[in-house]
Amino acid sequence: MKISNLLFEFRIKSKPSKTGTFKVSHIRQKGDLRQGWGLANKKGPKIYILKINKEIAYIGITRQPLSNRFRYGLSATGENGYHGYAWKELANSGESEPIDLFIYRFDDEKRTEAIEAEIVYLVRNKTGKWPKYQTEIHFHQANAEEINTAKQIYKQISILK
């Protein structure tokens, strides 16, 4: 299974509004200092992982451009039953501290949920606790290749920053 990864740093900020929504206030791709979402905004299967103060705090999956997914997750107010990301509370007092964002793009979208679940399981298994802002997980029977991919991703995000 071919995967490619990207690394960003971003902050979120609370929007002064009656709805109390949030937005990404700053994002930069680490490495070459490009601004904006870049390749993370391409459609296609992606696993995205947030690391806050050296702790893996959230693991998600999307097929849409990441800026769209973040906009939806940060602006949801519970009106239709979806309250959005639990980690948006990081900006309750204005602007969050920097958050590391790891993005893994895949060619095959069929099994990315299995890999996502395996990464969440590895966090739980290695640290003794679930990622702090993880609110749900869909479990799948992973094959050996998917388990190996999850282990590679976990190892990489564990040693970086």
C-alpha atoms as a PDB file:
ATOM      1  CA  MET A   1       0.000   0.000   0.000  1.00  0.00           C
ATOM      2  CA  LYS A   2       1.519   3.304  -1.081  1.00  0.00           C
ATOM      3  CA  ILE A   3       1.267   6.181   1.388  1.00  0.00           C
ATOM      4  CA  SER A   4       2.727   9.659   1.428  1.00  0.00           C
ATOM      5  CA  ASN A   5       2.958  11.935   4.436  1.00  0.00           C
ATOM      6  CA  LEU A   6       2.943  15.670   5.125  1.00  0.00           C
ATOM      7  CA  LEU A   7       3.667  17.604   8.315  1.00  0.00           C
ATOM      8  CA  PHE A   8       2.082  20.923   9.272  1.00  0.00           C
ATOM      9  CA  GLU A   9       1.849  23.170  12.271  1.00  0.00           C
ATOM     10  CA  PHE A  10      -1.332  25.121  12.915  1.00  0.00           C
ATOM     11  CA  ARG A  11      -3.277  27.073  15.508  1.00  0.00           C
ATOM     12  CA  ILE A  12      -6.994  27.477  16.001  1.00  0.00           C
ATOM     13  CA  LYS A  13      -8.750  30.594  17.163  1.00  0.00           C
ATOM     14  CA  SER A  14     -12.218  31.196  18.534  1.00  0.00           C
ATOM     15  CA  LYS A  15     -14.325  33.417  16.285  1.00  0.00           C
ATOM     16  CA  PRO A  16     -16.115  36.256  18.012  1.00  0.00           C
ATOM     17  CA  SER A  17     -19.665  35.271  17.169  1.00  0.00           C
ATOM     18  CA  LYS A  18     -22.901  34.159  18.786  1.00  0.00           C
ATOM     19  CA  THR A  19     -22.310  30.591  17.633  1.00  0.00           C
ATOM     20  CA  GLY A  20     -18.929  30.246  19.337  1.00  0.00           C
ATOM     21  CA  THR A  21     -17.331  28.627  16.311  1.00  0.00           C
ATOM     22  CA  PHE A  22     -13.612  28.295  15.700  1.00  0.00           C
ATOM     23  CA  LYS A  23     -11.285  28.542  12.723  1.00  0.00           C
ATOM     24  CA  VAL A  24      -7.734  27.695  11.728  1.00  0.00           C
ATOM     25  CA  SER A  25      -5.868  30.943  12.312  1.00  0.00           C
ATOM     26  CA  HIS A  26      -2.461  29.925  11.028  1.00  0.00           C
ATOM     27  CA  ILE A  27      -1.070  26.956   9.168  1.00  0.00           C
ATOM     28  CA  ARG A  28       2.326  26.281   7.679  1.00  0.00           C
ATOM     29  CA  GLN A  29       3.825  23.215   6.134  1.00  0.00           C
ATOM     30  CA  LYS A  30       6.908  22.175   8.033  1.00  0.00           C
ATOM     31  CA  GLY A  31      10.074  21.577   6.100  1.00  0.00           C
ATOM     32  CA  ASP A  32       9.938  24.036   3.242  1.00  0.00           C
ATOM     33  CA  LEU A  33       7.985  26.798   5.050  1.00  0.00           C
ATOM     34  CA  ARG A  34       5.175  27.011   2.488  1.00  0.00           C
ATOM     35  CA  GLN A  35       2.014  28.664   3.762  1.00  0.00           C
ATOM     36  CA  GLY A  36      -1.424  27.135   3.464  1.00  0.00           C
ATOM     37  CA  TRP A  37      -2.807  23.655   3.094  1.00  0.00           C
ATOM     38  CA  GLY A  38      -0.946  22.620  -0.076  1.00  0.00           C
ATOM     39  CA  LEU A  39      -1.256  18.916  -0.893  1.00  0.00           C
ATOM     40  CA  ALA A  40      -3.448  18.316   2.162  1.00  0.00           C
ATOM     41  CA  ASN A  41      -6.221  20.050   0.259  1.00  0.00           C
ATOM     42  CA  LYS A  42      -6.365  17.467  -2.495  1.00  0.00           C
ATOM     43  CA  LYS A  43      -9.316  15.092  -2.504  1.00  0.00           C
ATOM     44  CA  GLY A  44      -8.527  11.509  -1.635  1.00  0.00           C
ATOM     45  CA  PRO A  45      -8.225   9.285   1.418  1.00  0.00           C
ATOM     46  CA  LYS A  46      -6.193  10.713   4.279  1.00  0.00           C
ATOM     47  CA  ILE A  47      -5.516   9.917   7.897  1.00  0.00           C
ATOM     48  CA  TYR A  48      -4.723  12.995   9.948  1.00  0.00           C
ATOM     49  CA  ILE A  49      -3.155  12.967  13.378  1.00  0.00           C
ATOM     50  CA  LEU A  50      -2.902  15.823  15.866  1.00  0.00           C
ATOM     51  CA  LYS A  51      -0.053  15.951  18.306  1.00  0.00           C
ATOM     52  CA  ILE A  52      -0.255  18.481  21.121  1.00  0.00           C
ATOM     53  CA  ASN A  53       2.662  18.971  23.504  1.00  0.00           C
ATOM     54  CA  LYS A  54       4.272  15.716  22.313  1.00  0.00           C
ATOM     55  CA  GLU A  55       1.045  13.762  22.936  1.00  0.00           C
ATOM     56  CA  ILE A  56      -0.994  12.090  20.194  1.00  0.00           C
ATOM     57  CA  ALA A  57      -4.354  13.726  20.866  1.00  0.00           C
ATOM     58  CA  TYR A  58      -6.587  12.856  17.898  1.00  0.00           C
ATOM     59  CA  ILE A  59      -6.646  10.566  14.872  1.00  0.00           C
ATOM     60  CA  GLY A  60      -9.134  11.163  12.076  1.00  0.00           C
ATOM     61  CA  ILE A  61      -9.897  10.149   8.525  1.00  0.00           C
ATOM     62  CA  THR A  62     -11.302  12.064   5.572  1.00  0.00           C
ATOM     63  CA  ARG A  63     -11.593  11.906   1.809  1.00  0.00           C
ATOM     64  CA  GLN A  64     -12.315  15.596   1.346  1.00  0.00           C
ATOM     65  CA  PRO A  65      -9.822  18.477   1.291  1.00  0.00           C
ATOM     66  CA  LEU A  66      -8.586  18.956   4.844  1.00  0.00           C
ATOM     67  CA  SER A  67      -9.498  22.648   4.980  1.00  0.00           C
ATOM     68  CA  ASN A  68     -13.142  21.666   4.297  1.00  0.00           C
ATOM     69  CA  ARG A  69     -13.049  18.938   6.964  1.00  0.00           C
ATOM     70  CA  PHE A  70     -11.525  21.288   9.547  1.00  0.00           C
ATOM     71  CA  ARG A  71     -13.996  24.064   8.709  1.00  0.00           C
ATOM     72  CA  TYR A  72     -16.891  21.658   9.295  1.00  0.00           C
ATOM     73  CA  GLY A  73     -15.438  20.183  12.495  1.00  0.00           C
ATOM     74  CA  LEU A  74     -14.537  23.572  13.955  1.00  0.00           C
ATOM     75  CA  SER A  75     -17.767  25.377  13.091  1.00  0.00           C
ATOM     76  CA  ALA A  76     -20.294  22.699  14.142  1.00  0.00           C
ATOM     77  CA  THR A  77     -22.509  23.805  17.018  1.00  0.00           C
ATOM     78  CA  GLY A  78     -24.618  20.704  17.624  1.00  0.00           C
ATOM     79  CA  GLU A  79     -27.579  22.095  15.709  1.00  0.00           C
ATOM     80  CA  ASN A  80     -27.929  18.909  13.652  1.00  0.00           C
ATOM     81  CA  GLY A  81     -26.544  16.560  16.302  1.00  0.00           C
ATOM     82  CA  TYR A  82     -22.867  17.014  15.396  1.00  0.00           C
ATOM     83  CA  HIS A  83     -20.881  19.116  17.849  1.00  0.00           C
ATOM     84  CA  GLY A  84     -17.612  19.042  15.923  1.00  0.00           C
ATOM     85  CA  TYR A  85     -14.129  18.353  17.135  1.00  0.00           C
ATOM     86  CA  ALA A  86     -13.627  17.966  20.870  1.00  0.00           C
ATOM     87  CA  TRP A  87     -10.168  19.519  20.498  1.00  0.00           C
ATOM     88  CA  LYS A  88     -11.604  22.874  19.451  1.00  0.00           C
ATOM     89  CA  GLU A  89     -11.778  23.633  23.184  1.00  0.00           C
ATOM     90  CA  LEU A  90      -8.044  24.357  22.941  1.00  0.00           C
ATOM     91  CA  ALA A  91      -9.003  27.812  21.642  1.00  0.00           C
ATOM     92  CA  ASN A  92     -11.635  28.631  24.266  1.00  0.00           C
ATOM     93  CA  SER A  93      -9.450  31.420  25.624  1.00  0.00           C
ATOM     94  CA  GLY A  94      -8.602  32.933  22.234  1.00  0.00           C
ATOM     95  CA  GLU A  95      -5.912  31.174  20.237  1.00  0.00           C
ATOM     96  CA  SER A  96      -4.448  27.718  20.813  1.00  0.00           C
ATOM     97  CA  GLU A  97      -0.828  26.826  21.192  1.00  0.00           C
ATOM     98  CA  PRO A  98       0.777  25.338  18.051  1.00  0.00           C
ATOM     99  CA  ILE A  99      -0.594  21.926  17.092  1.00  0.00           C
ATOM    100  CA  ASP A 100       1.374  19.468  14.970  1.00  0.00           C
ATOM    101  CA  LEU A 101      -0.628  17.888  12.177  1.00  0.00           C
ATOM    102  CA  PHE A 102       0.547  14.730  10.448  1.00  0.00           C
ATOM    103  CA  ILE A 103      -1.255  13.823   7.244  1.00  0.00           C
ATOM    104  CA  TYR A 104      -0.936  10.484   5.486  1.00  0.00           C
ATOM    105  CA  ARG A 105      -2.357  10.284   1.979  1.00  0.00           C
ATOM    106  CA  PHE A 106      -3.293   6.898   0.538  1.00  0.00           C
ATOM    107  CA  ASP A 107      -3.956   5.528  -2.934  1.00  0.00           C
ATOM    108  CA  ASP A 108      -6.485   2.958  -1.725  1.00  0.00           C
ATOM    109  CA  GLU A 109      -9.357   4.402   0.275  1.00  0.00           C
ATOM    110  CA  LYS A 110     -11.010   1.064   1.046  1.00  0.00           C
ATOM    111  CA  ARG A 111      -8.880   0.184   4.032  1.00  0.00           C
ATOM    112  CA  THR A 112      -7.807   3.525   5.490  1.00  0.00           C
ATOM    113  CA  GLU A 113     -10.377   3.172   8.314  1.00  0.00           C
ATOM    114  CA  ALA A 114      -8.745  -0.108   9.312  1.00  0.00           C
ATOM    115  CA  ILE A 115      -5.348   1.610   9.478  1.00  0.00           C
ATOM    116  CA  GLU A 116      -6.841   4.519  11.450  1.00  0.00           C
ATOM    117  CA  ALA A 117      -8.323   2.081  13.994  1.00  0.00           C
ATOM    118  CA  GLU A 118      -5.012   0.250  14.307  1.00  0.00           C
ATOM    119  CA  ILE A 119      -3.162   3.509  15.012  1.00  0.00           C
ATOM    120  CA  VAL A 120      -5.697   4.435  17.718  1.00  0.00           C
ATOM    121  CA  TYR A 121      -5.270   0.949  19.186  1.00  0.00           C
ATOM    122  CA  LEU A 122      -1.467   1.344  19.175  1.00  0.00           C
ATOM    123  CA  VAL A 123      -1.758   4.631  21.067  1.00  0.00           C
ATOM    124  CA  ARG A 124      -3.966   2.922  23.659  1.00  0.00           C
ATOM    125  CA  ASN A 125      -1.706  -0.122  23.858  1.00  0.00           C
ATOM    126  CA  LYS A 126       1.563   1.833  24.150  1.00  0.00           C
ATOM    127  CA  THR A 127       0.409   4.667  26.433  1.00  0.00           C
ATOM    128  CA  GLY A 128      -2.375   3.028  28.433  1.00  0.00           C
ATOM    129  CA  LYS A 129      -4.903   5.659  27.393  1.00  0.00           C
ATOM    130  CA  TRP A 130      -6.950   6.670  24.379  1.00  0.00           C
ATOM    131  CA  PRO A 131      -5.989   9.828  22.483  1.00  0.00           C
ATOM    132  CA  LYS A 132      -7.321  12.702  24.614  1.00  0.00           C
ATOM    133  CA  TYR A 133      -9.756  14.115  22.045  1.00  0.00           C
ATOM    134  CA  GLN A 134     -10.790  10.858  20.355  1.00  0.00           C
ATOM    135  CA  THR A 135     -14.577  10.670  20.531  1.00  0.00           C
ATOM    136  CA  GLU A 136     -15.242   7.668  18.315  1.00  0.00           C
ATOM    137  CA  ILE A 137     -13.499   4.902  16.417  1.00  0.00           C
ATOM    138  CA  HIS A 138     -14.711   2.417  13.818  1.00  0.00           C
ATOM    139  CA  PHE A 139     -13.088  -0.965  14.260  1.00  0.00           C
ATOM    140  CA  HIS A 140     -12.276  -3.178  11.294  1.00  0.00           C
ATOM    141  CA  GLN A 141     -10.453  -6.446  10.834  1.00  0.00           C
ATOM    142  CA  ALA A 142      -7.059  -5.296   9.589  1.00  0.00           C
ATOM    143  CA  ASN A 143      -4.829  -7.433   7.419  1.00  0.00           C
ATOM    144  CA  ALA A 144      -1.063  -7.783   7.945  1.00  0.00           C
ATOM    145  CA  GLU A 145      -0.207  -4.976   5.514  1.00  0.00           C
ATOM    146  CA  GLU A 146      -2.600  -2.557   7.227  1.00  0.00           C
ATOM    147  CA  ILE A 147      -1.254  -3.457  10.673  1.00  0.00           C
ATOM    148  CA  ASN A 148       2.309  -2.943   9.438  1.00  0.00           C
ATOM    149  CA  THR A 149       1.371   0.430   7.893  1.00  0.00           C
ATOM    150  CA  ALA A 150      -0.220   1.518  11.191  1.00  0.00           C
ATOM    151  CA  LYS A 151       2.918   0.485  13.090  1.00  0.00           C
ATOM    152  CA  GLN A 152       5.116   2.489  10.695  1.00  0.00           C
ATOM    153  CA  ILE A 153       2.943   5.579  11.094  1.00  0.00           C
ATOM    154  CA  TYR A 154       2.803   5.235  14.885  1.00  0.00           C
ATOM    155  CA  LYS A 155       6.572   4.855  15.074  1.00  0.00           C
ATOM    156  CA  GLN A 156       7.102   7.913  12.913  1.00  0.00           C
ATOM    157  CA  ILE A 157       4.748  10.195  14.821  1.00  0.00           C
ATOM    158  CA  SER A 158       6.038   8.949  18.171  1.00  0.00           C
ATOM    159  CA  ILE A 159       9.636   9.980  17.487  1.00  0.00           C
ATOM    160  CA  LEU A 160       8.940  13.295  15.760  1.00  0.00           C
ATOM    161  CA  LYS A 161       8.797  16.414  17.900  1.00  0.00           C
END
